[in-house]
Amino acid sequence: MEKAAAIQYTGDLPAPIVLATGKGLLAKRIKEIALEQGIQIVDQPELADALVELPLGSLIPEEFYRIVAEILVFVRRVG
């Protein structure tokens, strides 16, 4: 099943937060909205699997800091 999670990091909090998550059709819609808004999509299925289980507004768990940091650096470079 397709999964998607949207995260945001502003620097106001100690870690990025989960903005949106979804599975199946909702995951596809999250990706469509990201594309429409010019938001970079990064394919990380293992991370998406974990993030879709978190409540919206949650801080990213510490165990994912490294991969999320790599994603944020990548997005800033290509964005």
C-alpha atoms as a PDB file:
ATOM      1  CA  MET A   1       0.000   0.000   0.000  1.00  0.00           C
ATOM      2  CA  GLU A   2       1.266   3.451  -0.893  1.00  0.00           C
ATOM      3  CA  LYS A   3       2.117   5.708   2.048  1.00  0.00           C
ATOM      4  CA  ALA A   4       3.057   9.373   2.323  1.00  0.00           C
ATOM      5  CA  ALA A   5       4.053  11.789   5.038  1.00  0.00           C
ATOM      6  CA  ALA A   6       4.624  15.519   4.889  1.00  0.00           C
ATOM      7  CA  ILE A   7       7.053  17.086   7.324  1.00  0.00           C
ATOM      8  CA  GLN A   8       8.087  20.637   8.144  1.00  0.00           C
ATOM      9  CA  TYR A   9      11.074  22.112   9.913  1.00  0.00           C
ATOM     10  CA  THR A  10      11.109  25.788  10.810  1.00  0.00           C
ATOM     11  CA  GLY A  11      13.774  25.885  13.491  1.00  0.00           C
ATOM     12  CA  ASP A  12      11.246  27.014  16.101  1.00  0.00           C
ATOM     13  CA  LEU A  13      11.018  23.482  17.471  1.00  0.00           C
ATOM     14  CA  PRO A  14      13.780  21.019  18.352  1.00  0.00           C
ATOM     15  CA  ALA A  15      12.852  18.727  15.438  1.00  0.00           C
ATOM     16  CA  PRO A  16      10.704  18.636  12.294  1.00  0.00           C
ATOM     17  CA  ILE A  17       7.006  17.914  12.760  1.00  0.00           C
ATOM     18  CA  VAL A  18       4.584  15.639  10.945  1.00  0.00           C
ATOM     19  CA  LEU A  19       2.134  17.798   8.965  1.00  0.00           C
ATOM     20  CA  ALA A  20       0.179  15.167   7.065  1.00  0.00           C
ATOM     21  CA  THR A  21       0.119  11.405   6.654  1.00  0.00           C
ATOM     22  CA  GLY A  22      -1.864   9.009   4.581  1.00  0.00           C
ATOM     23  CA  LYS A  23      -2.172   5.561   3.077  1.00  0.00           C
ATOM     24  CA  GLY A  24      -3.629   4.489  -0.251  1.00  0.00           C
ATOM     25  CA  LEU A  25      -5.725   7.167  -1.943  1.00  0.00           C
ATOM     26  CA  LEU A  26      -4.921   9.715   0.757  1.00  0.00           C
ATOM     27  CA  ALA A  27      -1.188   9.151   0.171  1.00  0.00           C
ATOM     28  CA  LYS A  28      -1.701   9.762  -3.545  1.00  0.00           C
ATOM     29  CA  ARG A  29      -3.590  12.970  -2.792  1.00  0.00           C
ATOM     30  CA  ILE A  30      -0.842  14.201  -0.456  1.00  0.00           C
ATOM     31  CA  LYS A  31       1.671  13.667  -3.266  1.00  0.00           C
ATOM     32  CA  GLU A  32      -0.585  15.401  -5.810  1.00  0.00           C
ATOM     33  CA  ILE A  33      -0.923  18.438  -3.547  1.00  0.00           C
ATOM     34  CA  ALA A  34       2.844  18.512  -3.015  1.00  0.00           C
ATOM     35  CA  LEU A  35       3.422  18.509  -6.767  1.00  0.00           C
ATOM     36  CA  GLU A  36       0.792  21.205  -7.324  1.00  0.00           C
ATOM     37  CA  GLN A  37       2.469  23.378  -4.674  1.00  0.00           C
ATOM     38  CA  GLY A  38       6.004  22.783  -5.953  1.00  0.00           C
ATOM     39  CA  ILE A  39       6.970  20.851  -2.839  1.00  0.00           C
ATOM     40  CA  GLN A  40       9.806  18.370  -3.305  1.00  0.00           C
ATOM     41  CA  ILE A  41       8.877  14.693  -2.951  1.00  0.00           C
ATOM     42  CA  VAL A  42      11.515  12.280  -1.660  1.00  0.00           C
ATOM     43  CA  ASP A  43      10.948   8.530  -1.911  1.00  0.00           C
ATOM     44  CA  GLN A  44      11.838   6.967   1.458  1.00  0.00           C
ATOM     45  CA  PRO A  45       9.383   4.077   2.006  1.00  0.00           C
ATOM     46  CA  GLU A  46      10.840   2.971   5.356  1.00  0.00           C
ATOM     47  CA  LEU A  47      10.560   6.482   6.761  1.00  0.00           C
ATOM     48  CA  ALA A  48       7.029   6.874   5.414  1.00  0.00           C
ATOM     49  CA  ASP A  49       6.068   3.561   7.052  1.00  0.00           C
ATOM     50  CA  ALA A  50       7.132   4.921  10.430  1.00  0.00           C
ATOM     51  CA  LEU A  51       5.805   8.465  10.051  1.00  0.00           C
ATOM     52  CA  VAL A  52       2.280   7.470   9.003  1.00  0.00           C
ATOM     53  CA  GLU A  53       1.850   5.879  12.419  1.00  0.00           C
ATOM     54  CA  LEU A  54       2.555   9.141  14.288  1.00  0.00           C
ATOM     55  CA  PRO A  55      -0.106  11.657  15.312  1.00  0.00           C
ATOM     56  CA  LEU A  56      -0.186  14.863  13.272  1.00  0.00           C
ATOM     57  CA  GLY A  57       1.896  17.579  14.874  1.00  0.00           C
ATOM     58  CA  SER A  58       4.298  15.074  16.416  1.00  0.00           C
ATOM     59  CA  LEU A  59       7.992  15.750  16.486  1.00  0.00           C
ATOM     60  CA  ILE A  60      10.025  13.359  14.356  1.00  0.00           C
ATOM     61  CA  PRO A  61      11.409  10.626  16.652  1.00  0.00           C
ATOM     62  CA  GLU A  62      15.117  10.934  17.399  1.00  0.00           C
ATOM     63  CA  GLU A  63      15.866   7.662  15.617  1.00  0.00           C
ATOM     64  CA  PHE A  64      14.947   9.371  12.306  1.00  0.00           C
ATOM     65  CA  TYR A  65      16.922  12.602  12.801  1.00  0.00           C
ATOM     66  CA  ARG A  66      19.759  11.550  10.508  1.00  0.00           C
ATOM     67  CA  ILE A  67      17.656  10.485   7.527  1.00  0.00           C
ATOM     68  CA  VAL A  68      15.328  13.468   7.908  1.00  0.00           C
ATOM     69  CA  ALA A  69      18.329  15.811   8.106  1.00  0.00           C
ATOM     70  CA  GLU A  70      19.703  14.286   4.891  1.00  0.00           C
ATOM     71  CA  ILE A  71      16.324  14.768   3.215  1.00  0.00           C
ATOM     72  CA  LEU A  72      16.093  18.399   4.339  1.00  0.00           C
ATOM     73  CA  VAL A  73      19.595  19.128   3.036  1.00  0.00           C
ATOM     74  CA  PHE A  74      18.720  17.485  -0.290  1.00  0.00           C
ATOM     75  CA  VAL A  75      15.470  19.435  -0.592  1.00  0.00           C
ATOM     76  CA  ARG A  76      17.214  22.737   0.117  1.00  0.00           C
ATOM     77  CA  ARG A  77      19.859  21.995  -2.550  1.00  0.00           C
ATOM     78  CA  VAL A  78      17.389  21.114  -5.296  1.00  0.00           C
ATOM     79  CA  GLY A  79      14.699  23.565  -4.222  1.00  0.00           C
END
